[in-house]
Amino acid sequence: MVSDGLRANAARAAEFLEVLGNARRLHILSLLLDYELPNRKIRERLNISRTASWHHIAKLREVGLVKIRRDGRNVYFSSDNRAVRDLLCKWNVVVAVQQSGQAVPPGGGALAVTCQDLVHSAPGLENRVCQSVSDSRRDE
């Protein structure tokens, strides 16, 4: 049962959600789930200072969401956390469904619903979700 697992890990879940509760960290994470990037590219995409980018990356690393790779003097960041990728995919679809005015399909909370179920509940939604992902990648 979801509630049993959440009660057992409430402090860890709260820490994790607190880190994801920052828009800049979510943006950084979404970039790093798709690309391995140096800090400079992250700063350019978000238009933030070096200090701010390092702060957000450090927070993401503290909860195990970002990996670091050094190549000589260069430092690259990435994330390959499949669970977080799936969570963000589902969240993106849930938000798109709600914005479309459609009801989220029955069957539990957003995490119990597959992306396919959500997409089928709102005709044309898949194209809008895919387009938003494509738009965010086009700037690369």
N, C-alpha and C. Protein backbone atom coordinates (compact mmCIF):
# COMPACT_ATOMS: atom_id res chain seq x y z
N MET A 1 0.85 -1.18 0.00
CA MET A 1 0.00 0.00 0.00
C MET A 1 0.90 1.24 0.00
N VAL A 2 0.52 2.22 -0.77
CA VAL A 2 1.34 3.43 -0.90
C VAL A 2 1.51 4.13 0.44
N SER A 3 0.44 4.24 1.21
CA SER A 3 0.52 4.97 2.48
C SER A 3 1.47 4.31 3.47
N ASP A 4 1.55 2.97 3.49
CA ASP A 4 2.48 2.29 4.39
C ASP A 4 3.92 2.62 4.03
N GLY A 5 4.24 2.56 2.74
CA GLY A 5 5.58 2.89 2.29
C GLY A 5 5.93 4.33 2.56
N LEU A 6 4.98 5.24 2.36
CA LEU A 6 5.23 6.66 2.59
C LEU A 6 5.45 6.94 4.06
N ARG A 7 4.67 6.32 4.92
CA ARG A 7 4.87 6.52 6.36
C ARG A 7 6.24 6.05 6.80
N ALA A 8 6.69 4.94 6.25
CA ALA A 8 7.99 4.39 6.63
C ALA A 8 9.13 5.28 6.15
N ASN A 9 8.92 6.00 5.08
CA ASN A 9 9.98 6.81 4.48
C ASN A 9 9.61 8.28 4.38
N ALA A 10 8.77 8.76 5.29
CA ALA A 10 8.23 10.12 5.19
C ALA A 10 9.32 11.19 5.19
N ALA A 11 10.31 11.06 6.04
CA ALA A 11 11.36 12.09 6.11
C ALA A 11 12.15 12.14 4.80
N ARG A 12 12.49 10.98 4.28
CA ARG A 12 13.25 10.92 3.01
C ARG A 12 12.39 11.46 1.86
N ALA A 13 11.11 11.09 1.84
CA ALA A 13 10.20 11.58 0.79
C ALA A 13 10.06 13.10 0.86
N ALA A 14 9.96 13.64 2.07
CA ALA A 14 9.84 15.09 2.24
C ALA A 14 11.09 15.80 1.75
N GLU A 15 12.27 15.25 2.05
CA GLU A 15 13.53 15.84 1.59
C GLU A 15 13.59 15.83 0.07
N PHE A 16 13.21 14.71 -0.51
CA PHE A 16 13.21 14.55 -1.96
C PHE A 16 12.25 15.54 -2.62
N LEU A 17 11.04 15.64 -2.09
CA LEU A 17 10.05 16.56 -2.66
C LEU A 17 10.45 18.02 -2.46
N GLU A 18 11.12 18.31 -1.36
CA GLU A 18 11.60 19.68 -1.13
C GLU A 18 12.61 20.07 -2.20
N VAL A 19 13.50 19.15 -2.53
CA VAL A 19 14.49 19.43 -3.57
C VAL A 19 13.79 19.61 -4.91
N LEU A 20 12.81 18.77 -5.22
CA LEU A 20 12.09 18.88 -6.49
C LEU A 20 11.10 20.04 -6.49
N GLY A 21 10.85 20.62 -5.34
CA GLY A 21 9.89 21.71 -5.23
C GLY A 21 10.42 23.06 -5.68
N ASN A 22 11.59 23.10 -6.24
CA ASN A 22 12.19 24.34 -6.73
C ASN A 22 12.18 24.33 -8.26
N ALA A 23 11.61 25.37 -8.87
CA ALA A 23 11.46 25.40 -10.32
C ALA A 23 12.79 25.32 -11.05
N ARG A 24 13.81 25.98 -10.55
CA ARG A 24 15.12 25.93 -11.22
C ARG A 24 15.73 24.54 -11.14
N ARG A 25 15.58 23.90 -9.98
CA ARG A 25 16.13 22.54 -9.86
C ARG A 25 15.38 21.57 -10.77
N LEU A 26 14.06 21.75 -10.88
CA LEU A 26 13.30 20.91 -11.80
C LEU A 26 13.76 21.13 -13.24
N HIS A 27 14.00 22.37 -13.60
CA HIS A 27 14.48 22.68 -14.95
C HIS A 27 15.85 22.04 -15.18
N ILE A 28 16.75 22.19 -14.23
CA ILE A 28 18.08 21.57 -14.36
C ILE A 28 17.93 20.06 -14.50
N LEU A 29 17.12 19.46 -13.65
CA LEU A 29 16.94 18.01 -13.68
C LEU A 29 16.37 17.56 -15.02
N SER A 30 15.40 18.29 -15.54
CA SER A 30 14.82 17.91 -16.82
C SER A 30 15.86 17.97 -17.93
N LEU A 31 16.75 18.94 -17.87
CA LEU A 31 17.84 19.01 -18.85
C LEU A 31 18.79 17.82 -18.70
N LEU A 32 19.15 17.52 -17.46
CA LEU A 32 20.15 16.48 -17.22
C LEU A 32 19.61 15.06 -17.42
N LEU A 33 18.29 14.90 -17.43
CA LEU A 33 17.72 13.61 -17.76
C LEU A 33 17.86 13.32 -19.25
N ASP A 34 18.00 14.38 -20.05
CA ASP A 34 18.12 14.22 -21.50
C ASP A 34 19.53 14.41 -22.02
N TYR A 35 20.35 15.16 -21.29
CA TYR A 35 21.68 15.51 -21.79
C TYR A 35 22.71 15.47 -20.67
N GLU A 36 23.96 15.20 -21.04
CA GLU A 36 25.09 15.41 -20.14
C GLU A 36 25.60 16.81 -20.47
N LEU A 37 25.61 17.69 -19.47
CA LEU A 37 25.95 19.08 -19.72
C LEU A 37 27.00 19.61 -18.75
N PRO A 38 27.85 20.52 -19.24
CA PRO A 38 28.74 21.23 -18.32
C PRO A 38 27.95 22.35 -17.63
N ASN A 39 28.48 22.83 -16.53
CA ASN A 39 27.82 23.89 -15.77
C ASN A 39 27.53 25.11 -16.64
N ARG A 40 28.45 25.45 -17.52
CA ARG A 40 28.28 26.62 -18.39
C ARG A 40 26.98 26.53 -19.20
N LYS A 41 26.71 25.36 -19.77
CA LYS A 41 25.49 25.18 -20.58
C LYS A 41 24.24 25.27 -19.71
N ILE A 42 24.32 24.74 -18.51
CA ILE A 42 23.18 24.83 -17.59
C ILE A 42 22.91 26.29 -17.26
N ARG A 43 23.96 27.03 -16.95
CA ARG A 43 23.81 28.46 -16.62
C ARG A 43 23.21 29.22 -17.79
N GLU A 44 23.68 28.94 -19.00
CA GLU A 44 23.16 29.63 -20.18
C GLU A 44 21.68 29.35 -20.38
N ARG A 45 21.29 28.08 -20.23
CA ARG A 45 19.89 27.71 -20.45
C ARG A 45 18.95 28.35 -19.43
N LEU A 46 19.42 28.49 -18.18
CA LEU A 46 18.58 29.03 -17.12
C LEU A 46 18.82 30.51 -16.86
N ASN A 47 19.90 31.05 -17.46
CA ASN A 47 20.26 32.45 -17.24
C ASN A 47 20.45 32.73 -15.74
N ILE A 48 21.32 31.91 -15.12
CA ILE A 48 21.61 32.08 -13.70
C ILE A 48 23.12 32.17 -13.51
N SER A 49 23.52 32.60 -12.33
CA SER A 49 24.95 32.74 -12.03
C SER A 49 25.60 31.39 -11.78
N ARG A 50 26.92 31.38 -11.81
CA ARG A 50 27.69 30.17 -11.52
C ARG A 50 27.38 29.68 -10.11
N THR A 51 27.34 30.61 -9.16
CA THR A 51 27.05 30.23 -7.76
C THR A 51 25.68 29.58 -7.64
N ALA A 52 24.69 30.17 -8.28
CA ALA A 52 23.33 29.62 -8.21
C ALA A 52 23.26 28.23 -8.84
N SER A 53 23.91 28.06 -9.98
CA SER A 53 23.86 26.74 -10.63
C SER A 53 24.53 25.68 -9.77
N TRP A 54 25.70 26.00 -9.20
CA TRP A 54 26.38 25.04 -8.33
C TRP A 54 25.53 24.70 -7.11
N HIS A 55 24.84 25.70 -6.56
CA HIS A 55 23.98 25.47 -5.40
C HIS A 55 22.87 24.47 -5.75
N HIS A 56 22.19 24.71 -6.87
CA HIS A 56 21.08 23.82 -7.25
C HIS A 56 21.59 22.42 -7.60
N ILE A 57 22.71 22.34 -8.29
CA ILE A 57 23.28 21.03 -8.63
C ILE A 57 23.66 20.28 -7.35
N ALA A 58 24.23 20.99 -6.39
CA ALA A 58 24.60 20.35 -5.12
C ALA A 58 23.38 19.77 -4.41
N LYS A 59 22.29 20.52 -4.40
CA LYS A 59 21.06 20.03 -3.77
C LYS A 59 20.56 18.76 -4.47
N LEU A 60 20.61 18.75 -5.80
CA LEU A 60 20.18 17.57 -6.55
C LEU A 60 21.12 16.38 -6.30
N ARG A 61 22.40 16.66 -6.16
CA ARG A 61 23.37 15.59 -5.87
C ARG A 61 23.16 15.02 -4.48
N GLU A 62 22.79 15.86 -3.52
CA GLU A 62 22.58 15.41 -2.13
C GLU A 62 21.54 14.30 -2.04
N VAL A 63 20.52 14.35 -2.90
CA VAL A 63 19.48 13.32 -2.87
C VAL A 63 19.69 12.27 -3.96
N GLY A 64 20.87 12.29 -4.58
CA GLY A 64 21.23 11.26 -5.53
C GLY A 64 20.64 11.38 -6.92
N LEU A 65 20.23 12.58 -7.31
CA LEU A 65 19.58 12.74 -8.61
C LEU A 65 20.52 13.16 -9.73
N VAL A 66 21.72 13.63 -9.38
CA VAL A 66 22.66 14.10 -10.39
C VAL A 66 24.00 13.41 -10.19
N LYS A 67 24.57 13.00 -11.33
CA LYS A 67 25.90 12.39 -11.32
C LYS A 67 26.88 13.38 -11.93
N ILE A 68 28.14 13.22 -11.55
CA ILE A 68 29.19 14.10 -12.03
C ILE A 68 30.24 13.26 -12.75
N ARG A 69 30.77 13.82 -13.84
CA ARG A 69 31.86 13.18 -14.57
C ARG A 69 32.90 14.24 -14.87
N ARG A 70 34.14 13.94 -14.49
CA ARG A 70 35.24 14.86 -14.75
C ARG A 70 36.04 14.37 -15.94
N ASP A 71 36.39 15.31 -16.81
CA ASP A 71 37.23 15.02 -17.97
C ASP A 71 38.28 16.11 -18.03
N GLY A 72 39.43 15.83 -17.41
CA GLY A 72 40.46 16.87 -17.30
C GLY A 72 39.94 18.00 -16.42
N ARG A 73 39.93 19.20 -16.96
CA ARG A 73 39.43 20.37 -16.21
C ARG A 73 37.93 20.55 -16.35
N ASN A 74 37.31 19.78 -17.22
CA ASN A 74 35.87 19.91 -17.47
C ASN A 74 35.06 19.03 -16.54
N VAL A 75 33.92 19.55 -16.10
CA VAL A 75 33.01 18.82 -15.24
C VAL A 75 31.66 18.74 -15.95
N TYR A 76 31.12 17.54 -16.06
CA TYR A 76 29.84 17.31 -16.73
C TYR A 76 28.85 16.71 -15.76
N PHE A 77 27.59 17.08 -15.91
CA PHE A 77 26.53 16.61 -15.04
C PHE A 77 25.48 15.87 -15.87
N SER A 78 24.89 14.85 -15.26
CA SER A 78 23.83 14.10 -15.92
C SER A 78 22.96 13.44 -14.86
N SER A 79 21.85 12.89 -15.32
CA SER A 79 20.98 12.12 -14.44
C SER A 79 20.38 10.98 -15.26
N ASP A 80 20.41 9.79 -14.71
CA ASP A 80 19.82 8.66 -15.41
C ASP A 80 18.79 7.95 -14.52
N ASN A 81 18.18 8.70 -13.62
CA ASN A 81 17.22 8.14 -12.68
C ASN A 81 15.90 7.87 -13.40
N ARG A 82 15.66 6.60 -13.72
CA ARG A 82 14.47 6.23 -14.49
C ARG A 82 13.19 6.51 -13.71
N ALA A 83 13.21 6.34 -12.40
CA ALA A 83 12.01 6.59 -11.60
C ALA A 83 11.64 8.06 -11.65
N VAL A 84 12.63 8.94 -11.57
CA VAL A 84 12.35 10.38 -11.63
C VAL A 84 11.88 10.76 -13.03
N ARG A 85 12.50 10.18 -14.06
CA ARG A 85 12.07 10.45 -15.43
C ARG A 85 10.60 10.07 -15.59
N ASP A 86 10.22 8.88 -15.08
CA ASP A 86 8.84 8.42 -15.18
C ASP A 86 7.91 9.34 -14.40
N LEU A 87 8.34 9.74 -13.20
CA LEU A 87 7.53 10.64 -12.39
C LEU A 87 7.29 11.97 -13.10
N LEU A 88 8.35 12.56 -13.66
CA LEU A 88 8.20 13.84 -14.35
C LEU A 88 7.37 13.71 -15.63
N CYS A 89 7.50 12.57 -16.32
CA CYS A 89 6.67 12.32 -17.49
C CYS A 89 5.20 12.29 -17.10
N LYS A 90 4.90 11.54 -16.05
CA LYS A 90 3.51 11.44 -15.60
C LYS A 90 3.00 12.80 -15.12
N TRP A 91 3.84 13.52 -14.41
CA TRP A 91 3.42 14.83 -13.93
C TRP A 91 3.13 15.77 -15.09
N ASN A 92 3.97 15.75 -16.11
CA ASN A 92 3.77 16.58 -17.29
C ASN A 92 2.43 16.26 -17.95
N VAL A 93 2.10 14.98 -18.04
CA VAL A 93 0.83 14.58 -18.65
C VAL A 93 -0.35 14.97 -17.76
N VAL A 94 -0.21 14.79 -16.45
CA VAL A 94 -1.29 15.17 -15.53
C VAL A 94 -1.59 16.66 -15.65
N VAL A 95 -0.55 17.48 -15.68
CA VAL A 95 -0.74 18.93 -15.81
C VAL A 95 -1.41 19.26 -17.14
N ALA A 96 -0.95 18.62 -18.21
CA ALA A 96 -1.55 18.88 -19.53
C ALA A 96 -3.02 18.47 -19.56
N VAL A 97 -3.35 17.34 -18.94
CA VAL A 97 -4.74 16.90 -18.89
C VAL A 97 -5.58 17.91 -18.12
N GLN A 98 -5.09 18.36 -16.98
CA GLN A 98 -5.84 19.33 -16.18
C GLN A 98 -6.02 20.64 -16.93
N GLN A 99 -4.98 21.09 -17.64
CA GLN A 99 -5.08 22.33 -18.40
C GLN A 99 -6.05 22.19 -19.56
N SER A 100 -6.23 20.98 -20.07
CA SER A 100 -7.15 20.76 -21.18
C SER A 100 -8.60 20.73 -20.71
N GLY A 101 -8.80 20.68 -19.39
CA GLY A 101 -10.15 20.63 -18.85
C GLY A 101 -10.70 19.22 -18.72
N GLN A 102 -9.91 18.22 -19.07
CA GLN A 102 -10.33 16.83 -18.96
C GLN A 102 -10.10 16.34 -17.53
N ALA A 103 -10.87 15.36 -17.14
CA ALA A 103 -10.69 14.76 -15.82
C ALA A 103 -9.57 13.73 -15.89
N VAL A 104 -8.82 13.63 -14.83
CA VAL A 104 -7.81 12.57 -14.74
C VAL A 104 -8.56 11.27 -14.59
N PRO A 105 -8.18 10.23 -15.35
CA PRO A 105 -8.91 8.97 -15.31
C PRO A 105 -8.93 8.36 -13.91
N PRO A 106 -9.99 7.59 -13.61
CA PRO A 106 -10.05 6.93 -12.31
C PRO A 106 -8.96 5.86 -12.18
N GLY A 107 -8.72 5.43 -10.95
CA GLY A 107 -7.75 4.37 -10.75
C GLY A 107 -6.67 4.76 -9.78
N GLY A 108 -6.93 5.74 -8.95
CA GLY A 108 -5.92 6.13 -7.98
C GLY A 108 -5.32 7.47 -8.33
N GLY A 109 -4.25 7.79 -7.64
CA GLY A 109 -3.57 9.05 -7.85
C GLY A 109 -2.81 9.06 -9.16
N ALA A 110 -2.19 10.18 -9.45
CA ALA A 110 -1.47 10.37 -10.70
C ALA A 110 -0.36 9.33 -10.86
N LEU A 111 0.24 8.88 -9.78
CA LEU A 111 1.33 7.92 -9.89
C LEU A 111 0.84 6.52 -10.25
N ALA A 112 -0.45 6.24 -10.01
CA ALA A 112 -1.00 4.92 -10.34
C ALA A 112 -1.48 4.86 -11.79
N VAL A 113 -1.50 5.98 -12.45
CA VAL A 113 -2.01 6.08 -13.81
C VAL A 113 -0.83 6.11 -14.77
N THR A 114 -0.91 5.35 -15.85
CA THR A 114 0.18 5.36 -16.82
C THR A 114 0.04 6.58 -17.73
N CYS A 115 1.14 6.97 -18.34
CA CYS A 115 1.08 8.07 -19.29
C CYS A 115 0.11 7.74 -20.42
N GLN A 116 0.09 6.47 -20.85
CA GLN A 116 -0.79 6.07 -21.93
C GLN A 116 -2.25 6.25 -21.52
N ASP A 117 -2.61 5.88 -20.29
CA ASP A 117 -3.98 6.08 -19.81
C ASP A 117 -4.37 7.55 -19.84
N LEU A 118 -3.46 8.41 -19.39
CA LEU A 118 -3.75 9.83 -19.36
C LEU A 118 -3.89 10.41 -20.76
N VAL A 119 -3.01 9.99 -21.65
CA VAL A 119 -3.06 10.50 -23.01
C VAL A 119 -4.36 10.09 -23.69
N HIS A 120 -4.80 8.85 -23.45
CA HIS A 120 -6.05 8.38 -24.07
C HIS A 120 -7.27 9.09 -23.50
N SER A 121 -7.15 9.68 -22.32
CA SER A 121 -8.31 10.35 -21.72
C SER A 121 -8.57 11.72 -22.32
N ALA A 122 -7.62 12.26 -23.07
CA ALA A 122 -7.78 13.60 -23.66
C ALA A 122 -7.27 13.57 -25.09
N PRO A 123 -8.18 13.50 -26.07
CA PRO A 123 -7.75 13.44 -27.47
C PRO A 123 -6.84 14.61 -27.84
N GLY A 124 -5.78 14.32 -28.55
CA GLY A 124 -4.84 15.35 -28.98
C GLY A 124 -3.80 15.72 -27.94
N LEU A 125 -3.95 15.17 -26.74
CA LEU A 125 -3.03 15.54 -25.66
C LEU A 125 -1.61 15.06 -25.96
N GLU A 126 -1.48 13.86 -26.53
CA GLU A 126 -0.15 13.32 -26.78
C GLU A 126 0.66 14.28 -27.65
N ASN A 127 0.04 14.85 -28.66
CA ASN A 127 0.75 15.79 -29.53
C ASN A 127 1.18 17.03 -28.75
N ARG A 128 0.31 17.53 -27.87
CA ARG A 128 0.67 18.73 -27.09
C ARG A 128 1.81 18.43 -26.13
N VAL A 129 1.79 17.28 -25.47
CA VAL A 129 2.84 16.92 -24.54
C VAL A 129 4.15 16.72 -25.28
N CYS A 130 4.11 15.97 -26.39
CA CYS A 130 5.33 15.74 -27.17
C CYS A 130 5.86 17.05 -27.72
N GLN A 131 4.98 17.95 -28.13
CA GLN A 131 5.42 19.23 -28.66
C GLN A 131 6.11 20.05 -27.58
N SER A 132 5.60 20.02 -26.35
CA SER A 132 6.25 20.79 -25.28
C SER A 132 7.63 20.25 -24.98
N VAL A 133 7.79 18.93 -25.07
CA VAL A 133 9.11 18.33 -24.86
C VAL A 133 10.03 18.72 -26.01
N SER A 134 9.53 18.67 -27.24
CA SER A 134 10.34 19.05 -28.41
C SER A 134 10.75 20.49 -28.33
N ASP A 135 9.85 21.37 -27.92
CA ASP A 135 10.17 22.80 -27.80
C ASP A 135 11.29 23.02 -26.83
N SER A 136 11.29 22.29 -25.71
CA SER A 136 12.34 22.50 -24.72
C SER A 136 13.69 21.99 -25.20
N ARG A 137 13.69 21.01 -26.12
CA ARG A 137 14.94 20.45 -26.62
C ARG A 137 15.48 21.23 -27.82
N ARG A 138 14.63 21.93 -28.53
CA ARG A 138 15.02 22.60 -29.75
C ARG A 138 16.13 23.61 -29.53
N ASP A 139 16.18 24.22 -28.36
CA ASP A 139 17.18 25.25 -28.07
C ASP A 139 18.57 24.69 -27.93
N GLU A 140 18.70 23.38 -27.84
CA GLU A 140 20.02 22.76 -27.63
C GLU A 140 20.92 22.96 -28.81
